[in-house]
Amino acid sequence: MKITVDLPESEIAEICEITGINKKGPAIRKLVTDRLQFQRRASIAEKFLTGEWSAELKNFEAAKAADRSEAKTLSEQWRD
């Protein structure tokens, strides 16, 4: 789909600089697709943060405690 967008030359230049693409059309396309991807990721992250989505990580707390214990043991052995 083609669309026409009126943007000042200064903004076009900034878009080209940000994207690293010199051609106007591809630079604008990259900027839009990058923003859409960012928004999708933010939406997914928000679902996890609000609890709408979750992931059960079996034995996560036990593994975390074991890692801390091992790190403490190694730290004490290093000091001896």
PDB file of N, CA and C in Angstrom:
ATOM      1  N   MET A   1       0.851  -1.172   0.000  1.00  0.00           N
ATOM      2  CA  MET A   1       0.000   0.000   0.000  1.00  0.00           C
ATOM      3  C   MET A   1       0.896   1.234   0.000  1.00  0.00           C
ATOM      4  N   LYS A   2       0.539   2.167  -0.787  1.00  0.00           N
ATOM      5  CA  LYS A   2       1.286   3.415  -0.834  1.00  0.00           C
ATOM      6  C   LYS A   2       0.460   4.504  -0.173  1.00  0.00           C
ATOM      7  N   ILE A   3       1.178   5.368   0.564  1.00  0.00           N
ATOM      8  CA  ILE A   3       0.535   6.528   1.173  1.00  0.00           C
ATOM      9  C   ILE A   3       1.424   7.740   0.934  1.00  0.00           C
ATOM     10  N   THR A   4       0.827   8.890   1.050  1.00  0.00           N
ATOM     11  CA  THR A   4       1.566  10.138   0.923  1.00  0.00           C
ATOM     12  C   THR A   4       1.574  10.820   2.279  1.00  0.00           C
ATOM     13  N   VAL A   5       2.764  11.222   2.693  1.00  0.00           N
ATOM     14  CA  VAL A   5       2.918  11.868   3.992  1.00  0.00           C
ATOM     15  C   VAL A   5       3.712  13.151   3.788  1.00  0.00           C
ATOM     16  N   ASP A   6       3.236  14.234   4.359  1.00  0.00           N
ATOM     17  CA  ASP A   6       3.958  15.499   4.301  1.00  0.00           C
ATOM     18  C   ASP A   6       4.783  15.649   5.570  1.00  0.00           C
ATOM     19  N   LEU A   7       6.101  15.696   5.407  1.00  0.00           N
ATOM     20  CA  LEU A   7       7.015  15.881   6.532  1.00  0.00           C
ATOM     21  C   LEU A   7       8.030  16.951   6.163  1.00  0.00           C
ATOM     22  N   PRO A   8       8.420  17.762   7.120  1.00  0.00           N
ATOM     23  CA  PRO A   8       9.460  18.757   6.838  1.00  0.00           C
ATOM     24  C   PRO A   8      10.785  18.063   6.498  1.00  0.00           C
ATOM     25  N   GLU A   9      11.597  18.701   5.678  1.00  0.00           N
ATOM     26  CA  GLU A   9      12.894  18.130   5.299  1.00  0.00           C
ATOM     27  C   GLU A   9      13.768  17.847   6.514  1.00  0.00           C
ATOM     28  N   SER A  10      13.650  18.688   7.550  1.00  0.00           N
ATOM     29  CA  SER A  10      14.474  18.468   8.745  1.00  0.00           C
ATOM     30  C   SER A  10      14.123  17.140   9.416  1.00  0.00           C
ATOM     31  N   GLU A  11      12.828  16.794   9.431  1.00  0.00           N
ATOM     32  CA  GLU A  11      12.417  15.523  10.024  1.00  0.00           C
ATOM     33  C   GLU A  11      12.836  14.350   9.145  1.00  0.00           C
ATOM     34  N   ILE A  12      12.755  14.502   7.846  1.00  0.00           N
ATOM     35  CA  ILE A  12      13.210  13.458   6.927  1.00  0.00           C
ATOM     36  C   ILE A  12      14.697  13.206   7.137  1.00  0.00           C
ATOM     37  N   ALA A  13      15.463  14.273   7.260  1.00  0.00           N
ATOM     38  CA  ALA A  13      16.902  14.144   7.479  1.00  0.00           C
ATOM     39  C   ALA A  13      17.179  13.429   8.799  1.00  0.00           C
ATOM     40  N   GLU A  14      16.416  13.763   9.815  1.00  0.00           N
ATOM     41  CA  GLU A  14      16.585  13.115  11.125  1.00  0.00           C
ATOM     42  C   GLU A  14      16.216  11.635  11.056  1.00  0.00           C
ATOM     43  N   ILE A  15      15.141  11.314  10.349  1.00  0.00           N
ATOM     44  CA  ILE A  15      14.723   9.922  10.181  1.00  0.00           C
ATOM     45  C   ILE A  15      15.820   9.138   9.455  1.00  0.00           C
ATOM     46  N   CYS A  16      16.386   9.717   8.411  1.00  0.00           N
ATOM     47  CA  CYS A  16      17.466   9.057   7.678  1.00  0.00           C
ATOM     48  C   CYS A  16      18.687   8.852   8.574  1.00  0.00           C
ATOM     49  N   GLU A  17      18.974   9.816   9.400  1.00  0.00           N
ATOM     50  CA  GLU A  17      20.116   9.709  10.315  1.00  0.00           C
ATOM     51  C   GLU A  17      19.879   8.620  11.363  1.00  0.00           C
ATOM     52  N   ILE A  18      18.688   8.599  11.928  1.00  0.00           N
ATOM     53  CA  ILE A  18      18.360   7.616  12.966  1.00  0.00           C
ATOM     54  C   ILE A  18      18.386   6.199  12.405  1.00  0.00           C
ATOM     55  N   THR A  19      17.813   6.003  11.227  1.00  0.00           N
ATOM     56  CA  THR A  19      17.719   4.663  10.657  1.00  0.00           C
ATOM     57  C   THR A  19      19.001   4.235   9.949  1.00  0.00           C
ATOM     58  N   GLY A  20      19.811   5.196   9.548  1.00  0.00           N
ATOM     59  CA  GLY A  20      21.024   4.877   8.815  1.00  0.00           C
ATOM     60  C   GLY A  20      20.766   4.574   7.347  1.00  0.00           C
ATOM     61  N   ILE A  21      19.585   4.949   6.877  1.00  0.00           N
ATOM     62  CA  ILE A  21      19.205   4.714   5.482  1.00  0.00           C
ATOM     63  C   ILE A  21      19.062   6.066   4.795  1.00  0.00           C
ATOM     64  N   ASN A  22      19.702   6.216   3.635  1.00  0.00           N
ATOM     65  CA  ASN A  22      19.699   7.509   2.950  1.00  0.00           C
ATOM     66  C   ASN A  22      18.438   7.771   2.140  1.00  0.00           C
ATOM     67  N   LYS A  23      17.805   6.724   1.613  1.00  0.00           N
ATOM     68  CA  LYS A  23      16.602   6.916   0.807  1.00  0.00           C
ATOM     69  C   LYS A  23      15.408   7.172   1.714  1.00  0.00           C
ATOM     70  N   LYS A  24      14.587   8.123   1.326  1.00  0.00           N
ATOM     71  CA  LYS A  24      13.473   8.556   2.168  1.00  0.00           C
ATOM     72  C   LYS A  24      12.445   7.461   2.433  1.00  0.00           C
ATOM     73  N   GLY A  25      11.951   6.811   1.389  1.00  0.00           N
ATOM     74  CA  GLY A  25      10.910   5.793   1.553  1.00  0.00           C
ATOM     75  C   GLY A  25      11.332   4.640   2.450  1.00  0.00           C
ATOM     76  N   PRO A  26      12.479   4.001   2.157  1.00  0.00           N
ATOM     77  CA  PRO A  26      12.931   2.912   3.013  1.00  0.00           C
ATOM     78  C   PRO A  26      13.224   3.352   4.453  1.00  0.00           C
ATOM     79  N   ALA A  27      13.708   4.577   4.622  1.00  0.00           N
ATOM     80  CA  ALA A  27      13.995   5.082   5.972  1.00  0.00           C
ATOM     81  C   ALA A  27      12.706   5.229   6.775  1.00  0.00           C
ATOM     82  N   ILE A  28      11.680   5.779   6.157  1.00  0.00           N
ATOM     83  CA  ILE A  28      10.395   5.940   6.843  1.00  0.00           C
ATOM     84  C   ILE A  28       9.788   4.574   7.140  1.00  0.00           C
ATOM     85  N   ARG A  29       9.888   3.645   6.187  1.00  0.00           N
ATOM     86  CA  ARG A  29       9.357   2.294   6.383  1.00  0.00           C
ATOM     87  C   ARG A  29      10.051   1.619   7.563  1.00  0.00           C
ATOM     88  N   LYS A  30      11.384   1.745   7.656  1.00  0.00           N
ATOM     89  CA  LYS A  30      12.130   1.143   8.764  1.00  0.00           C
ATOM     90  C   LYS A  30      11.732   1.771  10.090  1.00  0.00           C
ATOM     91  N   LEU A  31      11.594   3.078  10.115  1.00  0.00           N
ATOM     92  CA  LEU A  31      11.197   3.757  11.349  1.00  0.00           C
ATOM     93  C   LEU A  31       9.832   3.272  11.828  1.00  0.00           C
ATOM     94  N   VAL A  32       8.889   3.138  10.905  1.00  0.00           N
ATOM     95  CA  VAL A  32       7.534   2.697  11.257  1.00  0.00           C
ATOM     96  C   VAL A  32       7.549   1.246  11.731  1.00  0.00           C
ATOM     97  N   THR A  33       8.241   0.365  11.018  1.00  0.00           N
ATOM     98  CA  THR A  33       8.260  -1.042  11.414  1.00  0.00           C
ATOM     99  C   THR A  33       8.979  -1.244  12.742  1.00  0.00           C
ATOM    100  N   ASP A  34      10.055  -0.481  12.970  1.00  0.00           N
ATOM    101  CA  ASP A  34      10.749  -0.572  14.257  1.00  0.00           C
ATOM    102  C   ASP A  34       9.843  -0.128  15.405  1.00  0.00           C
ATOM    103  N   ARG A  35       9.099   0.929  15.185  1.00  0.00           N
ATOM    104  CA  ARG A  35       8.182   1.423  16.215  1.00  0.00           C
ATOM    105  C   ARG A  35       7.061   0.418  16.482  1.00  0.00           C
ATOM    106  N   LEU A  36       6.538  -0.205  15.432  1.00  0.00           N
ATOM    107  CA  LEU A  36       5.502  -1.219  15.606  1.00  0.00           C
ATOM    108  C   LEU A  36       6.037  -2.402  16.410  1.00  0.00           C
ATOM    109  N   GLN A  37       7.248  -2.832  16.103  1.00  0.00           N
ATOM    110  CA  GLN A  37       7.851  -3.939  16.835  1.00  0.00           C
ATOM    111  C   GLN A  37       8.039  -3.563  18.303  1.00  0.00           C
ATOM    112  N   PHE A  38       8.506  -2.349  18.549  1.00  0.00           N
ATOM    113  CA  PHE A  38       8.679  -1.873  19.924  1.00  0.00           C
ATOM    114  C   PHE A  38       7.339  -1.876  20.661  1.00  0.00           C
ATOM    115  N   GLN A  39       6.304  -1.401  20.015  1.00  0.00           N
ATOM    116  CA  GLN A  39       4.978  -1.333  20.634  1.00  0.00           C
ATOM    117  C   GLN A  39       4.441  -2.729  20.940  1.00  0.00           C
ATOM    118  N   ARG A  40       4.651  -3.663  20.026  1.00  0.00           N
ATOM    119  CA  ARG A  40       4.218  -5.046  20.266  1.00  0.00           C
ATOM    120  C   ARG A  40       4.935  -5.636  21.472  1.00  0.00           C
ATOM    121  N   ARG A  41       6.240  -5.403  21.560  1.00  0.00           N
ATOM    122  CA  ARG A  41       7.012  -5.911  22.706  1.00  0.00           C
ATOM    123  C   ARG A  41       6.537  -5.274  24.007  1.00  0.00           C
ATOM    124  N   ALA A  42       6.268  -3.989  23.980  1.00  0.00           N
ATOM    125  CA  ALA A  42       5.779  -3.299  25.174  1.00  0.00           C
ATOM    126  C   ALA A  42       4.426  -3.853  25.605  1.00  0.00           C
ATOM    127  N   SER A  43       3.582  -4.156  24.638  1.00  0.00           N
ATOM    128  CA  SER A  43       2.266  -4.717  24.940  1.00  0.00           C
ATOM    129  C   SER A  43       2.397  -6.091  25.594  1.00  0.00           C
ATOM    130  N   ILE A  44       3.286  -6.914  25.080  1.00  0.00           N
ATOM    131  CA  ILE A  44       3.503  -8.241  25.671  1.00  0.00           C
ATOM    132  C   ILE A  44       4.077  -8.105  27.077  1.00  0.00           C
ATOM    133  N   ALA A  45       5.048  -7.227  27.253  1.00  0.00           N
ATOM    134  CA  ALA A  45       5.640  -7.017  28.575  1.00  0.00           C
ATOM    135  C   ALA A  45       4.584  -6.537  29.567  1.00  0.00           C
ATOM    136  N   GLU A  46       3.708  -5.666  29.132  1.00  0.00           N
ATOM    137  CA  GLU A  46       2.643  -5.149  30.000  1.00  0.00           C
ATOM    138  C   GLU A  46       1.723  -6.273  30.462  1.00  0.00           C
ATOM    139  N   LYS A  47       1.440  -7.220  29.586  1.00  0.00           N
ATOM    140  CA  LYS A  47       0.582  -8.349  29.962  1.00  0.00           C
ATOM    141  C   LYS A  47       1.231  -9.190  31.057  1.00  0.00           C
ATOM    142  N   PHE A  48       2.542  -9.349  31.008  1.00  0.00           N
ATOM    143  CA  PHE A  48       3.229 -10.090  32.062  1.00  0.00           C
ATOM    144  C   PHE A  48       3.268  -9.283  33.355  1.00  0.00           C
ATOM    145  N   LEU A  49       3.511  -7.975  33.243  1.00  0.00           N
ATOM    146  CA  LEU A  49       3.601  -7.134  34.434  1.00  0.00           C
ATOM    147  C   LEU A  49       2.270  -7.008  35.166  1.00  0.00           C
ATOM    148  N   THR A  50       1.173  -6.990  34.425  1.00  0.00           N
ATOM    149  CA  THR A  50      -0.139  -6.874  35.058  1.00  0.00           C
ATOM    150  C   THR A  50      -0.671  -8.214  35.532  1.00  0.00           C
ATOM    151  N   GLY A  51      -0.022  -9.301  35.112  1.00  0.00           N
ATOM    152  CA  GLY A  51      -0.476 -10.619  35.523  1.00  0.00           C
ATOM    153  C   GLY A  51      -1.485 -11.241  34.586  1.00  0.00           C
ATOM    154  N   GLU A  52      -1.815 -10.552  33.498  1.00  0.00           N
ATOM    155  CA  GLU A  52      -2.743 -11.117  32.521  1.00  0.00           C
ATOM    156  C   GLU A  52      -2.146 -12.398  31.932  1.00  0.00           C
ATOM    157  N   TRP A  53      -0.848 -12.372  31.689  1.00  0.00           N
ATOM    158  CA  TRP A  53      -0.110 -13.554  31.253  1.00  0.00           C
ATOM    159  C   TRP A  53       0.881 -13.898  32.348  1.00  0.00           C
ATOM    160  N   SER A  54       1.223 -15.156  32.450  1.00  0.00           N
ATOM    161  CA  SER A  54       2.241 -15.555  33.415  1.00  0.00           C
ATOM    162  C   SER A  54       2.940 -16.807  32.907  1.00  0.00           C
ATOM    163  N   ALA A  55       4.035 -17.101  33.545  1.00  0.00           N
ATOM    164  CA  ALA A  55       4.791 -18.307  33.216  1.00  0.00           C
ATOM    165  C   ALA A  55       5.181 -18.970  34.524  1.00  0.00           C
ATOM    166  N   GLU A  56       4.869 -20.233  34.630  1.00  0.00           N
ATOM    167  CA  GLU A  56       5.224 -20.965  35.838  1.00  0.00           C
ATOM    168  C   GLU A  56       6.628 -21.531  35.652  1.00  0.00           C
ATOM    169  N   LEU A  57       7.520 -21.147  36.524  1.00  0.00           N
ATOM    170  CA  LEU A  57       8.899 -21.613  36.458  1.00  0.00           C
ATOM    171  C   LEU A  57       9.128 -22.560  37.627  1.00  0.00           C
ATOM    172  N   LYS A  58       8.949 -23.832  37.349  1.00  0.00           N
ATOM    173  CA  LYS A  58       9.087 -24.838  38.398  1.00  0.00           C
ATOM    174  C   LYS A  58      10.509 -24.815  38.940  1.00  0.00           C
ATOM    175  N   ASN A  59      10.597 -24.898  40.259  1.00  0.00           N
ATOM    176  CA  ASN A  59      11.879 -24.976  40.978  1.00  0.00           C
ATOM    177  C   ASN A  59      12.747 -23.732  40.809  1.00  0.00           C
ATOM    178  N   PHE A  60      12.186 -22.629  40.363  1.00  0.00           N
ATOM    179  CA  PHE A  60      12.978 -21.415  40.171  1.00  0.00           C
ATOM    180  C   PHE A  60      13.545 -20.905  41.492  1.00  0.00           C
ATOM    181  N   GLU A  61      12.700 -20.831  42.512  1.00  0.00           N
ATOM    182  CA  GLU A  61      13.157 -20.319  43.808  1.00  0.00           C
ATOM    183  C   GLU A  61      14.230 -21.228  44.405  1.00  0.00           C
ATOM    184  N   ALA A  62      14.055 -22.538  44.282  1.00  0.00           N
ATOM    185  CA  ALA A  62      15.044 -23.475  44.819  1.00  0.00           C
ATOM    186  C   ALA A  62      16.378 -23.324  44.085  1.00  0.00           C
ATOM    187  N   ALA A  63      16.331 -23.186  42.779  1.00  0.00           N
ATOM    188  CA  ALA A  63      17.556 -23.016  41.989  1.00  0.00           C
ATOM    189  C   ALA A  63      18.233 -21.693  42.324  1.00  0.00           C
ATOM    190  N   LYS A  64      17.447 -20.670  42.538  1.00  0.00           N
ATOM    191  CA  LYS A  64      17.987 -19.353  42.898  1.00  0.00           C
ATOM    192  C   LYS A  64      18.703 -19.432  44.247  1.00  0.00           C
ATOM    193  N   ALA A  65      18.082 -20.103  45.209  1.00  0.00           N
ATOM    194  CA  ALA A  65      18.687 -20.271  46.536  1.00  0.00           C
ATOM    195  C   ALA A  65      19.965 -21.100  46.442  1.00  0.00           C
ATOM    196  N   ALA A  66      19.961 -22.139  45.613  1.00  0.00           N
ATOM    197  CA  ALA A  66      21.150 -22.972  45.437  1.00  0.00           C
ATOM    198  C   ALA A  66      22.286 -22.161  44.820  1.00  0.00           C
ATOM    199  N   ASP A  67      21.975 -21.314  43.857  1.00  0.00           N
ATOM    200  CA  ASP A  67      22.991 -20.457  43.238  1.00  0.00           C
ATOM    201  C   ASP A  67      23.595 -19.505  44.262  1.00  0.00           C
ATOM    202  N   ARG A  68      22.756 -18.924  45.101  1.00  0.00           N
ATOM    203  CA  ARG A  68      23.259 -18.013  46.137  1.00  0.00           C
ATOM    204  C   ARG A  68      24.152 -18.752  47.123  1.00  0.00           C
ATOM    205  N   SER A  69      23.741 -19.941  47.500  1.00  0.00           N
ATOM    206  CA  SER A  69      24.523 -20.746  48.439  1.00  0.00           C
ATOM    207  C   SER A  69      25.875 -21.103  47.840  1.00  0.00           C
ATOM    208  N   GLU A  70      25.874 -21.500  46.591  1.00  0.00           N
ATOM    209  CA  GLU A  70      27.121 -21.855  45.916  1.00  0.00           C
ATOM    210  C   GLU A  70      28.035 -20.642  45.796  1.00  0.00           C
ATOM    211  N   ALA A  71      27.473 -19.503  45.462  1.00  0.00           N
ATOM    212  CA  ALA A  71      28.266 -18.277  45.345  1.00  0.00           C
ATOM    213  C   ALA A  71      28.882 -17.905  46.687  1.00  0.00           C
ATOM    214  N   LYS A  72      28.114 -18.068  47.758  1.00  0.00           N
ATOM    215  CA  LYS A  72      28.632 -17.759  49.102  1.00  0.00           C
ATOM    216  C   LYS A  72      29.760 -18.707  49.461  1.00  0.00           C
ATOM    217  N   THR A  73      29.589 -19.989  49.157  1.00  0.00           N
ATOM    218  CA  THR A  73      30.625 -20.986  49.443  1.00  0.00           C
ATOM    219  C   THR A  73      31.897 -20.673  48.670  1.00  0.00           C
ATOM    220  N   LEU A  74      31.768 -20.382  47.389  1.00  0.00           N
ATOM    221  CA  LEU A  74      32.934 -20.049  46.569  1.00  0.00           C
ATOM    222  C   LEU A  74      33.615 -18.782  47.060  1.00  0.00           C
ATOM    223  N   SER A  75      32.818 -17.816  47.498  1.00  0.00           N
ATOM    224  CA  SER A  75      33.375 -16.566  48.022  1.00  0.00           C
ATOM    225  C   SER A  75      34.183 -16.817  49.285  1.00  0.00           C
ATOM    226  N   GLU A  76      33.636 -17.664  50.160  1.00  0.00           N
ATOM    227  CA  GLU A  76      34.355 -17.984  51.410  1.00  0.00           C
ATOM    228  C   GLU A  76      35.613 -18.782  51.122  1.00  0.00           C
ATOM    229  N   GLN A  77      35.575 -19.707  50.163  1.00  0.00           N
ATOM    230  CA  GLN A  77      36.753 -20.499  49.825  1.00  0.00           C
ATOM    231  C   GLN A  77      37.836 -19.609  49.215  1.00  0.00           C
ATOM    232  N   TRP A  78      37.452 -18.622  48.450  1.00  0.00           N
ATOM    233  CA  TRP A  78      38.411 -17.748  47.813  1.00  0.00           C
ATOM    234  C   TRP A  78      39.179 -16.937  48.848  1.00  0.00           C
ATOM    235  N   ARG A  79      38.505 -16.570  49.918  1.00  0.00           N
ATOM    236  CA  ARG A  79      39.126 -15.738  50.952  1.00  0.00           C
ATOM    237  C   ARG A  79      40.083 -16.524  51.825  1.00  0.00           C
ATOM    238  N   ASP A  80      39.944 -17.844  51.869  1.00  0.00           N
ATOM    239  CA  ASP A  80      40.838 -18.665  52.732  1.00  0.00           C
ATOM    240  C   ASP A  80      42.232 -18.733  52.224  1.00  0.00           C
TER     241      ASP A  80
END
